[in-house]
């Protein structure tokens, strides 16, 4: 059985779509601790999906590398010294 080819850009796009879905997800009719757990999970999902969706990906020799710049943007422009 062969492994399916990994389409890295398609994978990243799915994570971007998941992050967008979390942003527009409606809150179910729950209250109290269940409501807070739902909100906390949504915030974690948005962070996780957003980080992966924003990654620069390379696939070399069977190794997938995701590069994510987590530095805050500066007043001078985009984040990081490698930014254009």
PDB file of N, CA and C in Angstrom:
ATOM      1  N   UNK A   1       0.844  -1.176   0.000  1.00  0.00           N
ATOM      2  CA  UNK A   1       0.000   0.000   0.000  1.00  0.00           C
ATOM      3  C   UNK A   1       0.892   1.244   0.000  1.00  0.00           C
ATOM      4  N   UNK A   2       0.662   2.170  -0.896  1.00  0.00           N
ATOM      5  CA  UNK A   2       1.487   3.368  -0.980  1.00  0.00           C
ATOM      6  C   UNK A   2       0.829   4.515  -0.221  1.00  0.00           C
ATOM      7  N   UNK A   3       1.669   5.406   0.274  1.00  0.00           N
ATOM      8  CA  UNK A   3       1.194   6.588   0.979  1.00  0.00           C
ATOM      9  C   UNK A   3       0.699   7.615  -0.041  1.00  0.00           C
ATOM     10  N   UNK A   4      -0.377   8.332   0.264  1.00  0.00           N
ATOM     11  CA  UNK A   4      -0.810   9.384  -0.650  1.00  0.00           C
ATOM     12  C   UNK A   4       0.202  10.530  -0.646  1.00  0.00           C
ATOM     13  N   UNK A   5       0.323  11.215  -1.778  1.00  0.00           N
ATOM     14  CA  UNK A   5       1.222  12.362  -1.857  1.00  0.00           C
ATOM     15  C   UNK A   5       0.673  13.484  -0.991  1.00  0.00           C
ATOM     16  N   UNK A   6       1.558  14.113  -0.237  1.00  0.00           N
ATOM     17  CA  UNK A   6       1.177  15.228   0.612  1.00  0.00           C
ATOM     18  C   UNK A   6       1.228  16.501  -0.202  1.00  0.00           C
ATOM     19  N   UNK A   7       0.107  17.156  -0.300  1.00  0.00           N
ATOM     20  CA  UNK A   7       0.041  18.453  -0.963  1.00  0.00           C
ATOM     21  C   UNK A   7       0.101  19.498   0.138  1.00  0.00           C
ATOM     22  N   UNK A   8       1.298  20.021   0.363  1.00  0.00           N
ATOM     23  CA  UNK A   8       1.553  20.885   1.502  1.00  0.00           C
ATOM     24  C   UNK A   8       0.690  22.136   1.467  1.00  0.00           C
ATOM     25  N   UNK A   9       0.614  22.806   0.342  1.00  0.00           N
ATOM     26  CA  UNK A   9      -0.173  24.038   0.266  1.00  0.00           C
ATOM     27  C   UNK A   9      -1.654  23.748   0.524  1.00  0.00           C
ATOM     28  N   UNK A  10      -2.154  22.633   0.034  1.00  0.00           N
ATOM     29  CA  UNK A  10      -3.548  22.255   0.294  1.00  0.00           C
ATOM     30  C   UNK A  10      -3.764  21.997   1.783  1.00  0.00           C
ATOM     31  N   UNK A  11      -2.778  21.378   2.440  1.00  0.00           N
ATOM     32  CA  UNK A  11      -2.877  21.133   3.870  1.00  0.00           C
ATOM     33  C   UNK A  11      -2.926  22.457   4.632  1.00  0.00           C
ATOM     34  N   UNK A  12      -2.044  23.387   4.275  1.00  0.00           N
ATOM     35  CA  UNK A  12      -2.035  24.683   4.941  1.00  0.00           C
ATOM     36  C   UNK A  12      -3.351  25.424   4.713  1.00  0.00           C
ATOM     37  N   UNK A  13      -3.898  25.307   3.512  1.00  0.00           N
ATOM     38  CA  UNK A  13      -5.175  25.944   3.220  1.00  0.00           C
ATOM     39  C   UNK A  13      -6.287  25.364   4.092  1.00  0.00           C
ATOM     40  N   UNK A  14      -6.264  24.053   4.325  1.00  0.00           N
ATOM     41  CA  UNK A  14      -7.270  23.446   5.210  1.00  0.00           C
ATOM     42  C   UNK A  14      -7.157  24.009   6.627  1.00  0.00           C
ATOM     43  N   UNK A  15      -5.944  24.242   7.096  1.00  0.00           N
ATOM     44  CA  UNK A  15      -5.783  24.832   8.426  1.00  0.00           C
ATOM     45  C   UNK A  15      -6.289  26.268   8.446  1.00  0.00           C
ATOM     46  N   UNK A  16      -6.059  27.023   7.363  1.00  0.00           N
ATOM     47  CA  UNK A  16      -6.599  28.392   7.289  1.00  0.00           C
ATOM     48  C   UNK A  16      -8.126  28.357   7.330  1.00  0.00           C
ATOM     49  N   UNK A  17      -8.714  27.407   6.614  1.00  0.00           N
ATOM     50  CA  UNK A  17     -10.171  27.272   6.604  1.00  0.00           C
ATOM     51  C   UNK A  17     -10.697  26.877   7.985  1.00  0.00           C
ATOM     52  N   UNK A  18      -9.974  26.021   8.681  1.00  0.00           N
ATOM     53  CA  UNK A  18     -10.392  25.632  10.038  1.00  0.00           C
ATOM     54  C   UNK A  18     -10.338  26.832  10.978  1.00  0.00           C
ATOM     55  N   UNK A  19      -9.301  27.641  10.861  1.00  0.00           N
ATOM     56  CA  UNK A  19      -9.203  28.835  11.701  1.00  0.00           C
ATOM     57  C   UNK A  19     -10.370  29.776  11.418  1.00  0.00           C
ATOM     58  N   UNK A  20     -10.699  29.955  10.147  1.00  0.00           N
ATOM     59  CA  UNK A  20     -11.833  30.815   9.791  1.00  0.00           C
ATOM     60  C   UNK A  20     -13.141  30.249  10.327  1.00  0.00           C
ATOM     61  N   UNK A  21     -13.288  28.936  10.291  1.00  0.00           N
ATOM     62  CA  UNK A  21     -14.514  28.300  10.801  1.00  0.00           C
ATOM     63  C   UNK A  21     -14.637  28.499  12.303  1.00  0.00           C
ATOM     64  N   UNK A  22     -13.530  28.452  13.014  1.00  0.00           N
ATOM     65  CA  UNK A  22     -13.577  28.669  14.465  1.00  0.00           C
ATOM     66  C   UNK A  22     -14.017  30.093  14.763  1.00  0.00           C
ATOM     67  N   UNK A  23     -13.511  31.054  13.971  1.00  0.00           N
ATOM     68  CA  UNK A  23     -13.888  32.463  14.180  1.00  0.00           C
ATOM     69  C   UNK A  23     -15.385  32.676  14.035  1.00  0.00           C
ATOM     70  N   UNK A  24     -16.023  31.931  13.139  1.00  0.00           N
ATOM     71  CA  UNK A  24     -17.453  32.146  12.863  1.00  0.00           C
ATOM     72  C   UNK A  24     -18.346  31.119  13.551  1.00  0.00           C
ATOM     73  N   UNK A  25     -17.746  30.237  14.350  1.00  0.00           N
ATOM     74  CA  UNK A  25     -18.504  29.192  15.050  1.00  0.00           C
ATOM     75  C   UNK A  25     -19.447  29.840  16.050  1.00  0.00           C
ATOM     76  N   UNK A  26     -20.691  29.376  16.053  1.00  0.00           N
ATOM     77  CA  UNK A  26     -21.652  29.895  17.016  1.00  0.00           C
ATOM     78  C   UNK A  26     -21.523  29.142  18.335  1.00  0.00           C
ATOM     79  N   UNK A  27     -21.873  29.813  19.387  1.00  0.00           N
ATOM     80  CA  UNK A  27     -21.803  29.228  20.716  1.00  0.00           C
ATOM     81  C   UNK A  27     -23.047  28.383  20.958  1.00  0.00           C
ATOM     82  N   UNK A  28     -22.871  27.123  21.315  1.00  0.00           N
ATOM     83  CA  UNK A  28     -24.048  26.281  21.561  1.00  0.00           C
ATOM     84  C   UNK A  28     -24.778  26.734  22.830  1.00  0.00           C
ATOM     85  N   UNK A  29     -26.014  26.324  22.958  1.00  0.00           N
ATOM     86  CA  UNK A  29     -26.792  26.751  24.128  1.00  0.00           C
ATOM     87  C   UNK A  29     -26.385  25.986  25.392  1.00  0.00           C
ATOM     88  N   UNK A  30     -25.203  26.283  25.883  1.00  0.00           N
ATOM     89  CA  UNK A  30     -24.724  25.676  27.110  1.00  0.00           C
ATOM     90  C   UNK A  30     -24.364  26.794  28.076  1.00  0.00           C
ATOM     91  N   UNK A  31     -24.324  26.475  29.334  1.00  0.00           N
ATOM     92  CA  UNK A  31     -24.009  27.501  30.322  1.00  0.00           C
ATOM     93  C   UNK A  31     -22.980  27.027  31.303  1.00  0.00           C
ATOM     94  N   UNK A  32     -22.561  27.940  32.159  1.00  0.00           N
ATOM     95  CA  UNK A  32     -21.652  27.609  33.239  1.00  0.00           C
ATOM     96  C   UNK A  32     -20.301  27.112  32.780  1.00  0.00           C
ATOM     97  N   UNK A  33     -19.849  26.039  33.444  1.00  0.00           N
ATOM     98  CA  UNK A  33     -18.526  25.490  33.154  1.00  0.00           C
ATOM     99  C   UNK A  33     -18.429  24.942  31.735  1.00  0.00           C
ATOM    100  N   UNK A  34     -19.498  24.350  31.228  1.00  0.00           N
ATOM    101  CA  UNK A  34     -19.475  23.814  29.858  1.00  0.00           C
ATOM    102  C   UNK A  34     -19.256  24.934  28.851  1.00  0.00           C
ATOM    103  N   UNK A  35     -19.905  26.061  29.068  1.00  0.00           N
ATOM    104  CA  UNK A  35     -19.748  27.210  28.173  1.00  0.00           C
ATOM    105  C   UNK A  35     -18.295  27.675  28.170  1.00  0.00           C
ATOM    106  N   UNK A  36     -17.702  27.793  29.358  1.00  0.00           N
ATOM    107  CA  UNK A  36     -16.315  28.249  29.445  1.00  0.00           C
ATOM    108  C   UNK A  36     -15.370  27.260  28.791  1.00  0.00           C
ATOM    109  N   UNK A  37     -15.611  25.958  28.971  1.00  0.00           N
ATOM    110  CA  UNK A  37     -14.762  24.946  28.318  1.00  0.00           C
ATOM    111  C   UNK A  37     -14.867  25.071  26.797  1.00  0.00           C
ATOM    112  N   UNK A  38     -16.072  25.314  26.283  1.00  0.00           N
ATOM    113  CA  UNK A  38     -16.263  25.482  24.846  1.00  0.00           C
ATOM    114  C   UNK A  38     -15.486  26.703  24.347  1.00  0.00           C
ATOM    115  N   UNK A  39     -15.579  27.807  25.075  1.00  0.00           N
ATOM    116  CA  UNK A  39     -14.875  29.034  24.685  1.00  0.00           C
ATOM    117  C   UNK A  39     -13.362  28.817  24.731  1.00  0.00           C
ATOM    118  N   UNK A  40     -12.870  28.171  25.800  1.00  0.00           N
ATOM    119  CA  UNK A  40     -11.443  27.912  25.919  1.00  0.00           C
ATOM    120  C   UNK A  40     -10.944  27.026  24.775  1.00  0.00           C
ATOM    121  N   UNK A  41     -11.720  26.000  24.422  1.00  0.00           N
ATOM    122  CA  UNK A  41     -11.325  25.109  23.331  1.00  0.00           C
ATOM    123  C   UNK A  41     -11.309  25.851  21.996  1.00  0.00           C
ATOM    124  N   UNK A  42     -12.289  26.722  21.778  1.00  0.00           N
ATOM    125  CA  UNK A  42     -12.338  27.503  20.539  1.00  0.00           C
ATOM    126  C   UNK A  42     -11.116  28.410  20.428  1.00  0.00           C
ATOM    127  N   UNK A  43     -10.711  29.019  21.536  1.00  0.00           N
ATOM    128  CA  UNK A  43      -9.532  29.892  21.513  1.00  0.00           C
ATOM    129  C   UNK A  43      -8.269  29.086  21.207  1.00  0.00           C
ATOM    130  N   UNK A  44      -8.150  27.903  21.802  1.00  0.00           N
ATOM    131  CA  UNK A  44      -6.986  27.046  21.527  1.00  0.00           C
ATOM    132  C   UNK A  44      -6.996  26.581  20.069  1.00  0.00           C
ATOM    133  N   UNK A  45      -8.165  26.194  19.553  1.00  0.00           N
ATOM    134  CA  UNK A  45      -8.275  25.768  18.155  1.00  0.00           C
ATOM    135  C   UNK A  45      -7.868  26.895  17.217  1.00  0.00           C
ATOM    136  N   UNK A  46      -8.359  28.104  17.477  1.00  0.00           N
ATOM    137  CA  UNK A  46      -8.038  29.242  16.616  1.00  0.00           C
ATOM    138  C   UNK A  46      -6.537  29.502  16.605  1.00  0.00           C
ATOM    139  N   UNK A  47      -5.921  29.464  17.760  1.00  0.00           N
ATOM    140  CA  UNK A  47      -4.475  29.675  17.839  1.00  0.00           C
ATOM    141  C   UNK A  47      -3.727  28.589  17.071  1.00  0.00           C
ATOM    142  N   UNK A  48      -4.056  27.324  17.348  1.00  0.00           N
ATOM    143  CA  UNK A  48      -3.355  26.207  16.700  1.00  0.00           C
ATOM    144  C   UNK A  48      -3.541  26.217  15.189  1.00  0.00           C
ATOM    145  N   UNK A  49      -4.789  26.319  14.736  1.00  0.00           N
ATOM    146  CA  UNK A  49      -5.064  26.300  13.294  1.00  0.00           C
ATOM    147  C   UNK A  49      -4.451  27.513  12.606  1.00  0.00           C
ATOM    148  N   UNK A  50      -4.510  28.670  13.268  1.00  0.00           N
ATOM    149  CA  UNK A  50      -3.945  29.881  12.686  1.00  0.00           C
ATOM    150  C   UNK A  50      -2.441  29.801  12.534  1.00  0.00           C
ATOM    151  N   UNK A  51      -1.765  29.272  13.542  1.00  0.00           N
ATOM    152  CA  UNK A  51      -0.299  29.153  13.479  1.00  0.00           C
ATOM    153  C   UNK A  51       0.106  28.242  12.333  1.00  0.00           C
ATOM    154  N   UNK A  52      -0.506  27.082  12.237  1.00  0.00           N
ATOM    155  CA  UNK A  52      -0.141  26.150  11.162  1.00  0.00           C
ATOM    156  C   UNK A  52      -0.527  26.738   9.803  1.00  0.00           C
ATOM    157  N   UNK A  53      -1.688  27.385   9.723  1.00  0.00           N
ATOM    158  CA  UNK A  53      -2.118  27.976   8.457  1.00  0.00           C
ATOM    159  C   UNK A  53      -1.208  29.081   7.966  1.00  0.00           C
ATOM    160  N   UNK A  54      -0.536  29.780   8.890  1.00  0.00           N
ATOM    161  CA  UNK A  54       0.371  30.874   8.520  1.00  0.00           C
ATOM    162  C   UNK A  54       1.804  30.409   8.271  1.00  0.00           C
ATOM    163  N   UNK A  55       2.068  29.145   8.455  1.00  0.00           N
ATOM    164  CA  UNK A  55       3.435  28.628   8.337  1.00  0.00           C
ATOM    165  C   UNK A  55       3.923  28.642   6.893  1.00  0.00           C
ATOM    166  N   UNK A  56       5.240  28.751   6.769  1.00  0.00           N
ATOM    167  CA  UNK A  56       5.909  28.513   5.493  1.00  0.00           C
ATOM    168  C   UNK A  56       6.350  27.057   5.539  1.00  0.00           C
ATOM    169  N   UNK A  57       5.972  26.284   4.563  1.00  0.00           N
ATOM    170  CA  UNK A  57       6.251  24.851   4.600  1.00  0.00           C
ATOM    171  C   UNK A  57       7.228  24.445   3.509  1.00  0.00           C
ATOM    172  N   UNK A  58       8.100  23.514   3.865  1.00  0.00           N
ATOM    173  CA  UNK A  58       8.971  22.877   2.891  1.00  0.00           C
ATOM    174  C   UNK A  58       8.903  21.374   3.122  1.00  0.00           C
ATOM    175  N   UNK A  59       8.980  20.637   2.043  1.00  0.00           N
ATOM    176  CA  UNK A  59       8.995  19.178   2.103  1.00  0.00           C
ATOM    177  C   UNK A  59      10.212  18.718   1.310  1.00  0.00           C
ATOM    178  N   UNK A  60      11.229  18.270   2.040  1.00  0.00           N
ATOM    179  CA  UNK A  60      12.477  17.843   1.412  1.00  0.00           C
ATOM    180  C   UNK A  60      12.878  16.483   1.940  1.00  0.00           C
ATOM    181  N   UNK A  61      13.113  15.559   1.048  1.00  0.00           N
ATOM    182  CA  UNK A  61      13.549  14.211   1.413  1.00  0.00           C
ATOM    183  C   UNK A  61      12.630  13.561   2.434  1.00  0.00           C
ATOM    184  N   UNK A  62      11.329  13.800   2.292  1.00  0.00           N
ATOM    185  CA  UNK A  62      10.352  13.182   3.175  1.00  0.00           C
ATOM    186  C   UNK A  62      10.196  13.860   4.526  1.00  0.00           C
ATOM    187  N   UNK A  63      10.830  15.010   4.715  1.00  0.00           N
ATOM    188  CA  UNK A  63      10.727  15.738   5.979  1.00  0.00           C
ATOM    189  C   UNK A  63       9.952  17.024   5.752  1.00  0.00           C
ATOM    190  N   UNK A  64       8.817  17.132   6.437  1.00  0.00           N
ATOM    191  CA  UNK A  64       8.000  18.338   6.374  1.00  0.00           C
ATOM    192  C   UNK A  64       8.469  19.293   7.456  1.00  0.00           C
ATOM    193  N   UNK A  65       8.835  20.504   7.044  1.00  0.00           N
ATOM    194  CA  UNK A  65       9.275  21.531   7.984  1.00  0.00           C
ATOM    195  C   UNK A  65       8.314  22.704   7.882  1.00  0.00           C
ATOM    196  N   UNK A  66       7.765  23.103   9.027  1.00  0.00           N
ATOM    197  CA  UNK A  66       6.903  24.276   9.086  1.00  0.00           C
ATOM    198  C   UNK A  66       7.665  25.378   9.799  1.00  0.00           C
ATOM    199  N   UNK A  67       7.806  26.521   9.145  1.00  0.00           N
ATOM    200  CA  UNK A  67       8.515  27.659   9.723  1.00  0.00           C
ATOM    201  C   UNK A  67       7.481  28.729  10.047  1.00  0.00           C
ATOM    202  N   UNK A  68       7.441  29.109  11.329  1.00  0.00           N
ATOM    203  CA  UNK A  68       6.461  30.088  11.795  1.00  0.00           C
ATOM    204  C   UNK A  68       7.197  31.190  12.534  1.00  0.00           C
ATOM    205  N   UNK A  69       7.018  32.422  12.091  1.00  0.00           N
ATOM    206  CA  UNK A  69       7.616  33.574  12.758  1.00  0.00           C
ATOM    207  C   UNK A  69       6.619  34.066  13.805  1.00  0.00           C
ATOM    208  N   UNK A  70       6.930  33.836  15.070  1.00  0.00           N
ATOM    209  CA  UNK A  70       6.039  34.219  16.162  1.00  0.00           C
ATOM    210  C   UNK A  70       6.403  35.569  16.774  1.00  0.00           C
ATOM    211  N   UNK A  71       7.412  36.231  16.190  1.00  0.00           N
ATOM    212  CA  UNK A  71       7.798  37.536  16.715  1.00  0.00           C
ATOM    213  C   UNK A  71       6.720  38.557  16.386  1.00  0.00           C
ATOM    214  N   UNK A  72       6.459  39.474  17.325  1.00  0.00           N
ATOM    215  CA  UNK A  72       5.448  40.501  17.044  1.00  0.00           C
ATOM    216  C   UNK A  72       5.952  41.458  15.972  1.00  0.00           C
ATOM    217  N   UNK A  73       5.039  42.002  15.177  1.00  0.00           N
ATOM    218  CA  UNK A  73       5.471  42.973  14.168  1.00  0.00           C
ATOM    219  C   UNK A  73       6.038  44.215  14.847  1.00  0.00           C
ATOM    220  N   UNK A  74       7.026  44.834  14.216  1.00  0.00           N
ATOM    221  CA  UNK A  74       7.605  46.063  14.763  1.00  0.00           C
ATOM    222  C   UNK A  74       6.892  47.259  14.149  1.00  0.00           C
ATOM    223  N   UNK A  75       7.170  48.419  14.675  1.00  0.00           N
ATOM    224  CA  UNK A  75       6.593  49.651  14.118  1.00  0.00           C
ATOM    225  C   UNK A  75       7.165  49.954  12.738  1.00  0.00           C
ATOM    226  N   UNK A  76       8.302  49.348  12.414  1.00  0.00           N
ATOM    227  CA  UNK A  76       8.972  49.604  11.137  1.00  0.00           C
ATOM    228  C   UNK A  76       8.428  48.765  10.012  1.00  0.00           C
ATOM    229  N   UNK A  77       7.597  47.759  10.317  1.00  0.00           N
ATOM    230  CA  UNK A  77       7.064  46.911   9.267  1.00  0.00           C
ATOM    231  C   UNK A  77       6.823  45.507   9.766  1.00  0.00           C
ATOM    232  N   UNK A  78       6.864  44.519   8.860  1.00  0.00           N
ATOM    233  CA  UNK A  78       6.571  43.137   9.223  1.00  0.00           C
ATOM    234  C   UNK A  78       7.542  42.595  10.266  1.00  0.00           C
ATOM    235  N   UNK A  79       7.146  41.495  10.857  1.00  0.00           N
ATOM    236  CA  UNK A  79       7.943  40.886  11.918  1.00  0.00           C
ATOM    237  C   UNK A  79       9.250  40.336  11.396  1.00  0.00           C
ATOM    238  N   UNK A  80      10.236  40.381  12.264  1.00  0.00           N
ATOM    239  CA  UNK A  80      11.475  39.663  12.023  1.00  0.00           C
ATOM    240  C   UNK A  80      12.457  40.329  11.093  1.00  0.00           C
ATOM    241  N   UNK A  81      13.720  39.972  11.261  1.00  0.00           N
ATOM    242  CA  UNK A  81      14.783  40.552  10.436  1.00  0.00           C
ATOM    243  C   UNK A  81      14.771  40.053   8.998  1.00  0.00           C
ATOM    244  N   UNK A  82      14.123  38.920   8.730  1.00  0.00           N
ATOM    245  CA  UNK A  82      14.083  38.368   7.364  1.00  0.00           C
ATOM    246  C   UNK A  82      12.925  38.929   6.550  1.00  0.00           C
ATOM    247  N   UNK A  83      12.084  39.756   7.161  1.00  0.00           N
ATOM    248  CA  UNK A  83      10.913  40.285   6.463  1.00  0.00           C
ATOM    249  C   UNK A  83      11.363  41.253   5.383  1.00  0.00           C
ATOM    250  N   UNK A  84      10.662  41.245   4.250  1.00  0.00           N
ATOM    251  CA  UNK A  84      11.036  42.161   3.161  1.00  0.00           C
ATOM    252  C   UNK A  84      10.764  43.595   3.508  1.00  0.00           C
TER     253      UNK A  84
END
